[in-house]
């Protein structure tokens, strides 16, 4: 029991860092998107805001277990996570529709955008921070046999993929000034948004945490 409480404390610390970083991504990304008019940065920012919901739900789940490790508290936290996962799924589907519509509009109208230096810096930092957070969550999740945290690690790694796509897109736009790079990068992010949306929807229906990336082989 003491060993589990020790790792629960580590899980809480990691999840707090994750929530704070996701908040930074959403806030700074929104500012960068507003200044530059970048669809890709806007999509990345909104996705971070949506992921913040599931991050807070998972954080609250660990707080509940740490303060009252009884079975009833586990049932409450599982219900909380399922509801939050459902909200995230529908928000992500809405975001996917928005990205698809705006990308098509940008291609049709050949809409230009300003180079987003802030977005470029954010994507560069996120491409480093997100994989580190994913690795920490996976390690702690395995120690706790926590399906939820292991699944969240995969979600965080997906955010890293988005950051890499965004970094590539903004870098090309900055170097070559191609107008079509921004909506193309947004469509690249759309792939990962739909991936997470379907995964979250399946998790909500089954009542189990995110199961992709082969992580469901770990119990919990």
N, C-alpha and C. Protein backbone atom coordinates (compact mmCIF):
# COMPACT_ATOMS: atom_id res chain seq x y z
N UNK A 1 0.83 -1.22 0.00
CA UNK A 1 0.00 0.00 0.00
C UNK A 1 0.86 1.26 0.00
N UNK A 2 1.92 1.26 0.83
CA UNK A 2 2.80 2.43 0.89
C UNK A 2 3.51 2.65 -0.43
N UNK A 3 3.89 1.54 -1.07
CA UNK A 3 4.57 1.66 -2.37
C UNK A 3 3.63 2.28 -3.40
N UNK A 4 2.36 1.86 -3.37
CA UNK A 4 1.39 2.42 -4.32
C UNK A 4 1.16 3.90 -4.06
N UNK A 5 1.07 4.27 -2.78
CA UNK A 5 0.87 5.69 -2.44
C UNK A 5 2.06 6.53 -2.89
N UNK A 6 3.25 5.95 -2.81
CA UNK A 6 4.44 6.66 -3.27
C UNK A 6 4.34 6.95 -4.77
N UNK A 7 3.93 5.92 -5.55
CA UNK A 7 3.81 6.11 -7.00
C UNK A 7 2.60 6.96 -7.36
N UNK A 8 1.56 6.92 -6.52
CA UNK A 8 0.41 7.81 -6.73
C UNK A 8 0.84 9.26 -6.60
N UNK A 9 1.72 9.52 -5.64
CA UNK A 9 2.23 10.88 -5.45
C UNK A 9 3.03 11.33 -6.69
N UNK A 10 3.83 10.41 -7.23
CA UNK A 10 4.58 10.72 -8.45
C UNK A 10 3.62 10.97 -9.61
N UNK A 11 2.57 10.15 -9.69
CA UNK A 11 1.58 10.31 -10.76
C UNK A 11 0.90 11.67 -10.66
N UNK A 12 0.59 12.10 -9.45
CA UNK A 12 -0.01 13.42 -9.24
C UNK A 12 0.92 14.53 -9.71
N UNK A 13 2.19 14.40 -9.37
CA UNK A 13 3.17 15.42 -9.77
C UNK A 13 3.30 15.50 -11.30
N UNK A 14 3.39 14.33 -11.93
CA UNK A 14 3.52 14.29 -13.39
C UNK A 14 2.27 14.87 -14.05
N UNK A 15 1.10 14.52 -13.50
CA UNK A 15 -0.15 14.98 -14.10
C UNK A 15 -0.34 16.49 -13.92
N UNK A 16 0.11 17.03 -12.80
CA UNK A 16 0.05 18.48 -12.59
C UNK A 16 0.92 19.19 -13.63
N UNK A 17 2.13 18.68 -13.83
CA UNK A 17 3.02 19.26 -14.85
C UNK A 17 2.37 19.19 -16.23
N UNK A 18 1.75 18.04 -16.52
CA UNK A 18 1.11 17.83 -17.81
C UNK A 18 -0.04 18.82 -18.03
N UNK A 19 -0.87 18.99 -17.01
CA UNK A 19 -2.01 19.91 -17.10
C UNK A 19 -1.53 21.35 -17.30
N UNK A 20 -0.51 21.74 -16.55
CA UNK A 20 0.02 23.10 -16.67
C UNK A 20 0.61 23.33 -18.06
N UNK A 21 1.34 22.33 -18.57
CA UNK A 21 1.93 22.49 -19.90
C UNK A 21 0.85 22.54 -20.99
N UNK A 22 -0.19 21.71 -20.84
CA UNK A 22 -1.29 21.74 -21.80
C UNK A 22 -1.98 23.10 -21.79
N UNK A 23 -2.10 23.68 -20.60
CA UNK A 23 -2.69 25.02 -20.48
C UNK A 23 -1.83 26.05 -21.21
N UNK A 24 -0.50 25.92 -21.08
CA UNK A 24 0.42 26.82 -21.79
C UNK A 24 0.24 26.66 -23.30
N UNK A 25 0.18 25.41 -23.77
CA UNK A 25 -0.01 25.15 -25.20
C UNK A 25 -1.28 25.81 -25.72
N UNK A 26 -2.37 25.62 -24.97
CA UNK A 26 -3.66 26.16 -25.40
C UNK A 26 -3.65 27.69 -25.42
N UNK A 27 -3.11 28.29 -24.36
CA UNK A 27 -3.12 29.75 -24.23
C UNK A 27 -2.18 30.43 -25.21
N UNK A 28 -0.92 30.00 -25.21
CA UNK A 28 0.07 30.60 -26.11
C UNK A 28 -0.31 30.32 -27.57
N UNK A 29 -0.81 29.12 -27.83
CA UNK A 29 -1.23 28.78 -29.18
C UNK A 29 -2.37 29.66 -29.66
N UNK A 30 -3.31 29.96 -28.77
CA UNK A 30 -4.44 30.83 -29.14
C UNK A 30 -3.95 32.23 -29.49
N UNK A 31 -3.01 32.74 -28.70
CA UNK A 31 -2.44 34.07 -28.97
C UNK A 31 -1.71 34.07 -30.31
N UNK A 32 -0.89 33.03 -30.54
CA UNK A 32 -0.13 32.93 -31.79
C UNK A 32 -1.06 32.82 -33.00
N UNK A 33 -2.13 32.03 -32.86
CA UNK A 33 -3.08 31.86 -33.96
C UNK A 33 -3.81 33.17 -34.25
N UNK A 34 -4.15 33.92 -33.21
CA UNK A 34 -4.85 35.20 -33.38
C UNK A 34 -3.96 36.21 -34.11
N UNK A 35 -2.69 36.23 -33.77
CA UNK A 35 -1.76 37.18 -34.38
C UNK A 35 -1.47 36.83 -35.84
N UNK A 36 -1.24 35.54 -36.11
CA UNK A 36 -0.80 35.13 -37.45
C UNK A 36 -1.93 34.70 -38.37
N UNK A 37 -3.06 34.30 -37.78
CA UNK A 37 -4.15 33.77 -38.60
C UNK A 37 -3.89 32.35 -39.07
N UNK A 38 -2.97 31.66 -38.41
CA UNK A 38 -2.60 30.30 -38.81
C UNK A 38 -3.66 29.28 -38.39
N UNK A 39 -4.18 28.54 -39.36
CA UNK A 39 -5.16 27.50 -39.07
C UNK A 39 -4.52 26.34 -38.31
N UNK A 40 -3.29 25.97 -38.69
CA UNK A 40 -2.60 24.86 -38.04
C UNK A 40 -2.34 25.15 -36.56
N UNK A 41 -1.89 26.37 -36.26
CA UNK A 41 -1.64 26.75 -34.87
C UNK A 41 -2.96 26.79 -34.10
N UNK A 42 -4.01 27.29 -34.74
CA UNK A 42 -5.32 27.34 -34.10
C UNK A 42 -5.82 25.93 -33.76
N UNK A 43 -5.66 24.99 -34.71
CA UNK A 43 -6.08 23.61 -34.47
C UNK A 43 -5.30 22.99 -33.33
N UNK A 44 -4.00 23.24 -33.29
CA UNK A 44 -3.14 22.71 -32.22
C UNK A 44 -3.57 23.27 -30.87
N UNK A 45 -3.89 24.57 -30.84
CA UNK A 45 -4.30 25.23 -29.60
C UNK A 45 -5.62 24.68 -29.08
N UNK A 46 -6.60 24.55 -29.97
CA UNK A 46 -7.92 24.05 -29.56
C UNK A 46 -7.82 22.60 -29.10
N UNK A 47 -7.02 21.79 -29.79
CA UNK A 47 -6.83 20.40 -29.37
C UNK A 47 -6.24 20.34 -27.97
N UNK A 48 -5.29 21.22 -27.68
CA UNK A 48 -4.69 21.27 -26.34
C UNK A 48 -5.74 21.63 -25.29
N UNK A 49 -6.63 22.57 -25.64
CA UNK A 49 -7.69 22.97 -24.71
C UNK A 49 -8.63 21.80 -24.43
N UNK A 50 -8.94 21.02 -25.47
CA UNK A 50 -9.81 19.86 -25.30
C UNK A 50 -9.12 18.79 -24.46
N UNK A 51 -7.85 18.54 -24.74
CA UNK A 51 -7.10 17.54 -23.97
C UNK A 51 -6.96 17.95 -22.51
N UNK A 52 -7.06 19.25 -22.25
CA UNK A 52 -6.99 19.75 -20.88
C UNK A 52 -8.12 19.17 -20.04
N UNK A 53 -9.29 18.94 -20.68
CA UNK A 53 -10.45 18.38 -19.97
C UNK A 53 -10.12 16.98 -19.45
N UNK A 54 -9.60 16.12 -20.34
CA UNK A 54 -9.27 14.76 -19.92
C UNK A 54 -8.11 14.75 -18.93
N UNK A 55 -7.17 15.68 -19.10
CA UNK A 55 -6.05 15.78 -18.16
C UNK A 55 -6.50 16.13 -16.76
N UNK A 56 -7.43 17.08 -16.66
CA UNK A 56 -7.96 17.48 -15.36
C UNK A 56 -8.77 16.34 -14.73
N UNK A 57 -9.53 15.61 -15.56
CA UNK A 57 -10.31 14.49 -15.05
C UNK A 57 -9.40 13.40 -14.48
N UNK A 58 -8.31 13.11 -15.19
CA UNK A 58 -7.37 12.10 -14.71
C UNK A 58 -6.67 12.57 -13.44
N UNK A 59 -6.33 13.85 -13.38
CA UNK A 59 -5.71 14.41 -12.18
C UNK A 59 -6.65 14.26 -10.99
N UNK A 60 -7.93 14.60 -11.20
CA UNK A 60 -8.91 14.48 -10.12
C UNK A 60 -9.08 13.03 -9.71
N UNK A 61 -9.00 12.13 -10.67
CA UNK A 61 -9.11 10.70 -10.37
C UNK A 61 -8.01 10.26 -9.41
N UNK A 62 -6.78 10.69 -9.66
CA UNK A 62 -5.67 10.33 -8.79
C UNK A 62 -5.77 11.02 -7.43
N UNK A 63 -6.27 12.24 -7.40
CA UNK A 63 -6.48 12.94 -6.13
C UNK A 63 -7.48 12.17 -5.27
N UNK A 64 -8.59 11.73 -5.89
CA UNK A 64 -9.61 10.97 -5.17
C UNK A 64 -9.03 9.68 -4.61
N UNK A 65 -8.27 8.95 -5.44
CA UNK A 65 -7.69 7.69 -4.98
C UNK A 65 -6.66 7.92 -3.88
N UNK A 66 -5.89 9.00 -3.99
CA UNK A 66 -4.85 9.28 -3.00
C UNK A 66 -5.47 9.64 -1.64
N UNK A 67 -6.56 10.41 -1.67
CA UNK A 67 -7.19 10.86 -0.42
C UNK A 67 -8.09 9.80 0.20
N UNK A 68 -8.77 9.03 -0.65
CA UNK A 68 -9.68 7.99 -0.13
C UNK A 68 -9.60 6.78 -1.04
N UNK A 69 -8.67 5.87 -0.77
CA UNK A 69 -8.43 4.73 -1.65
C UNK A 69 -9.47 3.62 -1.58
N UNK A 70 -10.66 3.90 -1.03
CA UNK A 70 -11.70 2.88 -0.94
C UNK A 70 -12.25 2.56 -2.32
N UNK A 71 -12.92 1.42 -2.43
CA UNK A 71 -13.45 0.98 -3.73
C UNK A 71 -14.49 1.95 -4.26
N UNK A 72 -15.30 2.55 -3.36
CA UNK A 72 -16.34 3.48 -3.80
C UNK A 72 -15.74 4.69 -4.49
N UNK A 73 -14.59 5.17 -3.98
CA UNK A 73 -13.94 6.31 -4.61
C UNK A 73 -13.42 5.93 -5.99
N UNK A 74 -12.98 4.67 -6.13
CA UNK A 74 -12.54 4.20 -7.44
C UNK A 74 -13.67 4.20 -8.45
N UNK A 75 -14.88 3.81 -8.00
CA UNK A 75 -16.04 3.83 -8.88
C UNK A 75 -16.38 5.25 -9.30
N UNK A 76 -16.30 6.19 -8.35
CA UNK A 76 -16.60 7.60 -8.66
C UNK A 76 -15.60 8.15 -9.66
N UNK A 77 -14.33 7.85 -9.45
CA UNK A 77 -13.31 8.38 -10.35
C UNK A 77 -13.43 7.77 -11.75
N UNK A 78 -13.82 6.49 -11.82
CA UNK A 78 -14.00 5.85 -13.12
C UNK A 78 -15.15 6.49 -13.89
N UNK A 79 -16.24 6.79 -13.17
CA UNK A 79 -17.39 7.46 -13.79
C UNK A 79 -16.99 8.85 -14.28
N UNK A 80 -16.22 9.55 -13.46
CA UNK A 80 -15.75 10.89 -13.83
C UNK A 80 -14.93 10.82 -15.11
N UNK A 81 -14.03 9.84 -15.18
CA UNK A 81 -13.18 9.71 -16.37
C UNK A 81 -14.01 9.38 -17.60
N UNK A 82 -15.03 8.54 -17.43
CA UNK A 82 -15.86 8.15 -18.58
C UNK A 82 -16.63 9.34 -19.13
N UNK A 83 -17.19 10.15 -18.24
CA UNK A 83 -17.92 11.35 -18.66
C UNK A 83 -16.98 12.32 -19.38
N UNK A 84 -15.80 12.55 -18.78
CA UNK A 84 -14.83 13.47 -19.38
C UNK A 84 -14.37 12.97 -20.74
N UNK A 85 -14.18 11.65 -20.86
CA UNK A 85 -13.77 11.06 -22.14
C UNK A 85 -14.82 11.29 -23.21
N UNK A 86 -16.10 11.16 -22.82
CA UNK A 86 -17.19 11.41 -23.77
C UNK A 86 -17.21 12.85 -24.24
N UNK A 87 -17.02 13.78 -23.31
CA UNK A 87 -16.97 15.21 -23.67
C UNK A 87 -15.82 15.48 -24.64
N UNK A 88 -14.66 14.91 -24.31
CA UNK A 88 -13.48 15.08 -25.16
C UNK A 88 -13.74 14.53 -26.56
N UNK A 89 -14.36 13.35 -26.66
CA UNK A 89 -14.63 12.74 -27.96
C UNK A 89 -15.47 13.65 -28.85
N UNK A 90 -16.57 14.16 -28.31
CA UNK A 90 -17.47 15.00 -29.12
C UNK A 90 -16.82 16.34 -29.45
N UNK A 91 -16.04 16.88 -28.54
CA UNK A 91 -15.31 18.13 -28.83
C UNK A 91 -14.30 17.92 -29.95
N UNK A 92 -13.62 16.77 -29.92
CA UNK A 92 -12.62 16.47 -30.96
C UNK A 92 -13.28 16.28 -32.33
N UNK A 93 -14.45 15.63 -32.35
CA UNK A 93 -15.17 15.49 -33.62
C UNK A 93 -15.57 16.86 -34.16
N UNK A 94 -15.99 17.75 -33.26
CA UNK A 94 -16.32 19.11 -33.67
C UNK A 94 -15.10 19.84 -34.22
N UNK A 95 -13.96 19.67 -33.55
CA UNK A 95 -12.71 20.29 -34.01
C UNK A 95 -12.31 19.74 -35.38
N UNK A 96 -12.49 18.43 -35.58
CA UNK A 96 -12.14 17.81 -36.86
C UNK A 96 -12.97 18.41 -38.00
N UNK A 97 -14.27 18.60 -37.74
CA UNK A 97 -15.14 19.20 -38.76
C UNK A 97 -14.70 20.63 -39.07
N UNK A 98 -14.33 21.37 -38.04
CA UNK A 98 -13.88 22.76 -38.22
C UNK A 98 -12.59 22.82 -39.05
N UNK A 99 -11.64 21.94 -38.73
CA UNK A 99 -10.36 21.92 -39.45
C UNK A 99 -10.59 21.58 -40.92
N UNK A 100 -11.44 20.57 -41.17
CA UNK A 100 -11.71 20.16 -42.55
C UNK A 100 -12.34 21.30 -43.34
N UNK A 101 -13.32 21.97 -42.74
CA UNK A 101 -14.00 23.08 -43.41
C UNK A 101 -13.06 24.24 -43.69
N UNK A 102 -12.29 24.64 -42.66
CA UNK A 102 -11.39 25.79 -42.81
C UNK A 102 -10.23 25.49 -43.76
N UNK A 103 -9.76 24.25 -43.76
CA UNK A 103 -8.69 23.87 -44.68
C UNK A 103 -9.17 23.95 -46.13
N UNK A 104 -10.37 23.41 -46.36
CA UNK A 104 -10.94 23.49 -47.70
C UNK A 104 -11.14 24.92 -48.14
N UNK A 105 -11.60 25.76 -47.21
CA UNK A 105 -11.79 27.18 -47.51
C UNK A 105 -10.46 27.86 -47.84
N UNK A 106 -9.43 27.54 -47.06
CA UNK A 106 -8.11 28.14 -47.28
C UNK A 106 -7.54 27.74 -48.63
N UNK A 107 -7.70 26.46 -49.01
CA UNK A 107 -7.21 26.01 -50.32
C UNK A 107 -7.98 26.69 -51.45
N UNK A 108 -9.30 26.82 -51.27
CA UNK A 108 -10.14 27.41 -52.33
C UNK A 108 -9.84 28.89 -52.52
N UNK A 109 -9.63 29.61 -51.41
CA UNK A 109 -9.44 31.06 -51.48
C UNK A 109 -7.97 31.45 -51.52
N UNK A 110 -7.08 30.47 -51.37
CA UNK A 110 -5.63 30.74 -51.33
C UNK A 110 -5.30 31.80 -50.28
N UNK A 111 -5.82 31.56 -49.07
CA UNK A 111 -5.67 32.55 -48.00
C UNK A 111 -4.24 32.59 -47.48
N UNK A 112 -3.61 33.78 -47.49
CA UNK A 112 -2.25 33.91 -46.95
C UNK A 112 -2.28 34.02 -45.42
N UNK A 113 -1.14 33.86 -44.80
CA UNK A 113 -1.03 34.02 -43.35
C UNK A 113 0.34 34.59 -43.02
N UNK A 114 0.43 35.22 -41.86
CA UNK A 114 1.72 35.72 -41.40
C UNK A 114 2.52 34.56 -40.81
N UNK A 115 3.82 34.67 -40.89
CA UNK A 115 4.68 33.67 -40.25
C UNK A 115 4.51 33.78 -38.74
N UNK A 116 4.21 32.65 -38.09
CA UNK A 116 3.98 32.65 -36.65
C UNK A 116 5.25 32.24 -35.91
N UNK A 117 6.03 33.24 -35.51
CA UNK A 117 7.26 32.95 -34.75
C UNK A 117 6.94 32.33 -33.40
N UNK A 118 5.89 32.87 -32.76
CA UNK A 118 5.47 32.32 -31.45
C UNK A 118 5.04 30.87 -31.62
N UNK A 119 4.25 30.60 -32.66
CA UNK A 119 3.80 29.24 -32.92
C UNK A 119 4.96 28.30 -33.20
N UNK A 120 5.96 28.79 -33.92
CA UNK A 120 7.14 27.99 -34.25
C UNK A 120 7.90 27.62 -32.98
N UNK A 121 8.08 28.58 -32.08
CA UNK A 121 8.78 28.32 -30.82
C UNK A 121 7.98 27.35 -29.95
N UNK A 122 6.64 27.56 -29.90
CA UNK A 122 5.78 26.68 -29.11
C UNK A 122 5.85 25.25 -29.62
N UNK A 123 5.79 25.08 -30.95
CA UNK A 123 5.85 23.74 -31.53
C UNK A 123 7.20 23.08 -31.24
N UNK A 124 8.28 23.86 -31.29
CA UNK A 124 9.61 23.32 -31.03
C UNK A 124 9.73 22.82 -29.58
N UNK A 125 9.23 23.64 -28.65
CA UNK A 125 9.30 23.24 -27.23
C UNK A 125 8.39 22.05 -26.97
N UNK A 126 7.18 22.08 -27.54
CA UNK A 126 6.23 20.99 -27.33
C UNK A 126 6.73 19.68 -27.91
N UNK A 127 7.49 19.75 -29.00
CA UNK A 127 8.01 18.53 -29.62
C UNK A 127 9.05 17.84 -28.74
N UNK A 128 9.55 18.57 -27.74
CA UNK A 128 10.50 18.00 -26.78
C UNK A 128 9.79 17.62 -25.48
N UNK A 129 8.94 18.53 -24.98
CA UNK A 129 8.27 18.32 -23.69
C UNK A 129 7.27 17.17 -23.76
N UNK A 130 6.48 17.11 -24.83
CA UNK A 130 5.42 16.09 -24.93
C UNK A 130 5.96 14.66 -24.91
N UNK A 131 7.01 14.32 -25.68
CA UNK A 131 7.54 12.96 -25.59
C UNK A 131 8.09 12.63 -24.20
N UNK A 132 8.70 13.63 -23.54
CA UNK A 132 9.20 13.40 -22.18
C UNK A 132 8.05 13.10 -21.22
N UNK A 133 6.97 13.89 -21.31
CA UNK A 133 5.81 13.66 -20.46
C UNK A 133 5.19 12.30 -20.75
N UNK A 134 5.11 11.94 -22.03
CA UNK A 134 4.54 10.64 -22.40
C UNK A 134 5.35 9.50 -21.79
N UNK A 135 6.67 9.61 -21.83
CA UNK A 135 7.53 8.59 -21.25
C UNK A 135 7.35 8.47 -19.74
N UNK A 136 7.25 9.62 -19.06
CA UNK A 136 7.05 9.62 -17.61
C UNK A 136 5.71 8.99 -17.25
N UNK A 137 4.65 9.37 -17.98
CA UNK A 137 3.32 8.83 -17.69
C UNK A 137 3.29 7.32 -17.90
N UNK A 138 3.91 6.87 -18.95
CA UNK A 138 3.93 5.42 -19.24
C UNK A 138 4.68 4.67 -18.14
N UNK A 139 5.82 5.21 -17.72
CA UNK A 139 6.62 4.55 -16.67
C UNK A 139 5.84 4.46 -15.37
N UNK A 140 5.24 5.58 -14.94
CA UNK A 140 4.48 5.60 -13.69
C UNK A 140 3.22 4.76 -13.83
N UNK A 141 2.59 4.81 -15.00
CA UNK A 141 1.37 4.03 -15.23
C UNK A 141 1.62 2.54 -15.10
N UNK A 142 2.76 2.08 -15.61
CA UNK A 142 3.12 0.67 -15.49
C UNK A 142 3.38 0.31 -14.02
N UNK A 143 4.04 1.20 -13.29
CA UNK A 143 4.30 0.95 -11.86
C UNK A 143 2.99 0.82 -11.07
N UNK A 144 1.98 1.62 -11.47
CA UNK A 144 0.69 1.61 -10.77
C UNK A 144 -0.29 0.61 -11.37
N UNK A 145 0.10 -0.05 -12.48
CA UNK A 145 -0.83 -0.87 -13.24
C UNK A 145 -2.07 -0.05 -13.61
N UNK A 146 -1.85 1.20 -13.97
CA UNK A 146 -2.95 2.12 -14.27
C UNK A 146 -3.18 2.20 -15.77
N UNK A 147 -4.28 1.58 -16.21
CA UNK A 147 -4.66 1.62 -17.61
C UNK A 147 -4.89 3.07 -18.05
N UNK A 148 -5.48 3.86 -17.15
CA UNK A 148 -5.82 5.24 -17.48
C UNK A 148 -4.57 6.07 -17.79
N UNK A 149 -3.56 5.95 -16.94
CA UNK A 149 -2.35 6.76 -17.12
C UNK A 149 -1.52 6.27 -18.31
N UNK A 150 -1.49 4.97 -18.53
CA UNK A 150 -0.78 4.44 -19.70
C UNK A 150 -1.46 4.92 -20.98
N UNK A 151 -2.80 4.90 -20.96
CA UNK A 151 -3.54 5.41 -22.11
C UNK A 151 -3.31 6.89 -22.33
N UNK A 152 -3.24 7.64 -21.23
CA UNK A 152 -3.00 9.08 -21.33
C UNK A 152 -1.61 9.36 -21.88
N UNK A 153 -0.67 8.46 -21.58
CA UNK A 153 0.68 8.60 -22.13
C UNK A 153 0.65 8.52 -23.65
N UNK A 154 -0.18 7.62 -24.18
CA UNK A 154 -0.32 7.50 -25.63
C UNK A 154 -0.95 8.75 -26.22
N UNK A 155 -1.92 9.33 -25.49
CA UNK A 155 -2.55 10.58 -25.94
C UNK A 155 -1.51 11.70 -26.00
N UNK A 156 -0.67 11.77 -24.98
CA UNK A 156 0.37 12.80 -24.94
C UNK A 156 1.37 12.61 -26.07
N UNK A 157 1.66 11.35 -26.41
CA UNK A 157 2.57 11.08 -27.52
C UNK A 157 1.93 11.51 -28.84
N UNK A 158 0.61 11.35 -28.94
CA UNK A 158 -0.09 11.83 -30.14
C UNK A 158 0.03 13.34 -30.25
N UNK A 159 -0.02 14.03 -29.11
CA UNK A 159 0.19 15.49 -29.11
C UNK A 159 1.59 15.84 -29.60
N UNK A 160 2.55 14.97 -29.28
CA UNK A 160 3.92 15.19 -29.77
C UNK A 160 3.97 15.07 -31.29
N UNK A 161 3.24 14.08 -31.84
CA UNK A 161 3.18 13.95 -33.30
C UNK A 161 2.59 15.21 -33.93
N UNK A 162 1.54 15.74 -33.30
CA UNK A 162 0.93 16.98 -33.79
C UNK A 162 1.94 18.13 -33.77
N UNK A 163 2.72 18.20 -32.69
CA UNK A 163 3.72 19.26 -32.57
C UNK A 163 4.77 19.14 -33.67
N UNK A 164 5.17 17.90 -33.99
CA UNK A 164 6.15 17.70 -35.06
C UNK A 164 5.60 18.12 -36.41
N UNK A 165 4.32 17.78 -36.67
CA UNK A 165 3.67 18.19 -37.92
C UNK A 165 3.59 19.71 -37.99
N UNK A 166 3.20 20.33 -36.87
CA UNK A 166 3.09 21.79 -36.81
C UNK A 166 4.46 22.44 -37.02
N UNK A 167 5.48 21.89 -36.38
CA UNK A 167 6.83 22.44 -36.51
C UNK A 167 7.32 22.36 -37.95
N UNK A 168 7.06 21.23 -38.60
CA UNK A 168 7.46 21.06 -40.00
C UNK A 168 6.73 22.06 -40.89
N UNK A 169 5.41 22.19 -40.66
CA UNK A 169 4.61 23.11 -41.48
C UNK A 169 5.02 24.56 -41.32
N UNK A 170 5.17 24.99 -40.07
CA UNK A 170 5.56 26.38 -39.81
C UNK A 170 6.98 26.65 -40.29
N UNK A 171 7.85 25.64 -40.14
CA UNK A 171 9.22 25.80 -40.60
C UNK A 171 9.30 25.98 -42.11
N UNK A 172 8.52 25.20 -42.84
CA UNK A 172 8.49 25.33 -44.30
C UNK A 172 7.89 26.67 -44.72
N UNK A 173 6.85 27.09 -43.99
CA UNK A 173 6.22 28.38 -44.32
C UNK A 173 7.19 29.53 -44.06
N UNK A 174 7.96 29.41 -42.99
CA UNK A 174 8.94 30.44 -42.63
C UNK A 174 10.09 30.48 -43.63
N UNK A 175 10.53 29.31 -44.10
CA UNK A 175 11.67 29.23 -45.01
C UNK A 175 11.31 29.60 -46.45
N UNK A 176 10.14 29.09 -46.90
CA UNK A 176 9.81 29.22 -48.32
C UNK A 176 8.60 30.12 -48.60
N UNK A 177 7.79 30.39 -47.58
CA UNK A 177 6.65 31.27 -47.76
C UNK A 177 5.51 30.67 -48.56
N UNK A 178 5.43 29.33 -48.64
CA UNK A 178 4.34 28.69 -49.38
C UNK A 178 3.01 28.91 -48.64
N UNK A 179 2.01 29.47 -49.32
CA UNK A 179 0.73 29.76 -48.67
C UNK A 179 -0.03 28.49 -48.30
N UNK A 180 0.20 27.40 -49.07
CA UNK A 180 -0.57 26.17 -48.89
C UNK A 180 -0.04 25.27 -47.76
N UNK A 181 1.10 25.62 -47.20
CA UNK A 181 1.69 24.77 -46.16
C UNK A 181 0.81 24.77 -44.90
N UNK A 182 0.25 25.94 -44.54
CA UNK A 182 -0.55 26.03 -43.31
C UNK A 182 -1.79 25.13 -43.35
N UNK A 183 -2.66 25.23 -44.38
CA UNK A 183 -3.80 24.32 -44.41
C UNK A 183 -3.39 22.86 -44.57
N UNK A 184 -2.25 22.61 -45.23
CA UNK A 184 -1.77 21.23 -45.37
C UNK A 184 -1.34 20.68 -44.01
N UNK A 185 -0.64 21.51 -43.21
CA UNK A 185 -0.25 21.09 -41.86
C UNK A 185 -1.49 20.87 -40.99
N UNK A 186 -2.51 21.71 -41.19
CA UNK A 186 -3.76 21.55 -40.44
C UNK A 186 -4.41 20.21 -40.76
N UNK A 187 -4.36 19.80 -42.03
CA UNK A 187 -4.90 18.50 -42.42
C UNK A 187 -4.08 17.36 -41.81
N UNK A 188 -2.77 17.58 -41.66
CA UNK A 188 -1.95 16.59 -40.97
C UNK A 188 -2.35 16.44 -39.52
N UNK A 189 -2.64 17.56 -38.87
CA UNK A 189 -3.12 17.54 -37.49
C UNK A 189 -4.50 16.90 -37.41
N UNK A 190 -5.32 17.12 -38.47
CA UNK A 190 -6.67 16.55 -38.52
C UNK A 190 -6.63 15.03 -38.37
N UNK A 191 -5.64 14.39 -38.99
CA UNK A 191 -5.51 12.94 -38.89
C UNK A 191 -5.42 12.50 -37.43
N UNK A 192 -4.57 13.17 -36.66
CA UNK A 192 -4.37 12.80 -35.26
C UNK A 192 -5.59 13.16 -34.41
N UNK A 193 -6.27 14.26 -34.76
CA UNK A 193 -7.49 14.65 -34.04
C UNK A 193 -8.56 13.58 -34.21
N UNK A 194 -8.76 13.11 -35.45
CA UNK A 194 -9.74 12.05 -35.69
C UNK A 194 -9.35 10.76 -34.99
N UNK A 195 -8.06 10.46 -34.97
CA UNK A 195 -7.56 9.26 -34.29
C UNK A 195 -7.93 9.30 -32.81
N UNK A 196 -7.68 10.46 -32.19
CA UNK A 196 -8.00 10.61 -30.77
C UNK A 196 -9.50 10.64 -30.54
N UNK A 197 -10.25 11.23 -31.47
CA UNK A 197 -11.70 11.31 -31.32
C UNK A 197 -12.33 9.92 -31.32
N UNK A 198 -11.96 9.09 -32.29
CA UNK A 198 -12.49 7.73 -32.35
C UNK A 198 -12.07 6.91 -31.14
N UNK A 199 -10.82 7.09 -30.72
CA UNK A 199 -10.31 6.36 -29.56
C UNK A 199 -11.06 6.76 -28.29
N UNK A 200 -11.30 8.06 -28.12
CA UNK A 200 -12.03 8.55 -26.95
C UNK A 200 -13.48 8.07 -26.98
N UNK A 201 -14.09 8.06 -28.17
CA UNK A 201 -15.47 7.60 -28.30
C UNK A 201 -15.58 6.12 -27.93
N UNK A 202 -14.61 5.32 -28.39
CA UNK A 202 -14.60 3.89 -28.06
C UNK A 202 -14.40 3.68 -26.57
N UNK A 203 -13.52 4.50 -25.97
CA UNK A 203 -13.27 4.39 -24.53
C UNK A 203 -14.51 4.75 -23.73
N UNK A 204 -15.26 5.77 -24.19
CA UNK A 204 -16.49 6.17 -23.50
C UNK A 204 -17.52 5.04 -23.56
N UNK A 205 -17.68 4.42 -24.73
CA UNK A 205 -18.69 3.36 -24.89
C UNK A 205 -18.34 2.11 -24.09
N UNK A 206 -17.05 1.78 -24.05
CA UNK A 206 -16.64 0.55 -23.36
C UNK A 206 -16.45 0.75 -21.86
N UNK A 207 -16.26 2.02 -21.47
CA UNK A 207 -16.00 2.29 -20.05
C UNK A 207 -14.58 2.02 -19.64
N UNK A 208 -13.70 1.81 -20.62
CA UNK A 208 -12.28 1.59 -20.33
C UNK A 208 -11.48 2.77 -20.86
N UNK A 209 -10.28 3.00 -20.33
CA UNK A 209 -9.45 4.10 -20.81
C UNK A 209 -9.00 3.88 -22.25
N UNK A 210 -8.27 4.85 -22.78
CA UNK A 210 -7.76 4.77 -24.15
C UNK A 210 -6.97 3.49 -24.33
N UNK A 211 -7.24 2.80 -25.44
CA UNK A 211 -6.65 1.47 -25.63
C UNK A 211 -5.68 1.38 -26.79
N UNK A 212 -5.35 2.47 -27.45
CA UNK A 212 -4.54 2.36 -28.64
C UNK A 212 -3.06 2.16 -28.32
N UNK A 213 -2.31 1.96 -29.38
CA UNK A 213 -0.85 1.81 -29.29
C UNK A 213 -0.43 0.54 -28.54
N UNK A 214 -1.34 -0.46 -28.52
CA UNK A 214 -0.98 -1.73 -27.90
C UNK A 214 -0.85 -1.66 -26.39
N UNK A 215 -1.33 -0.58 -25.78
CA UNK A 215 -1.12 -0.40 -24.35
C UNK A 215 -2.11 -1.19 -23.51
N UNK A 216 -3.13 -1.77 -24.14
CA UNK A 216 -4.14 -2.49 -23.37
C UNK A 216 -3.63 -3.82 -22.84
N UNK A 217 -2.40 -4.16 -23.16
CA UNK A 217 -1.85 -5.41 -22.62
C UNK A 217 -1.48 -5.28 -21.15
N UNK A 218 -1.44 -4.05 -20.65
CA UNK A 218 -1.11 -3.85 -19.25
C UNK A 218 -2.38 -3.83 -18.43
N UNK A 219 -2.48 -4.54 -17.33
CA UNK A 219 -3.69 -4.56 -16.53
C UNK A 219 -3.88 -3.27 -15.79
N UNK A 220 -5.06 -3.09 -15.20
CA UNK A 220 -5.33 -1.91 -14.41
C UNK A 220 -6.60 -1.32 -14.86
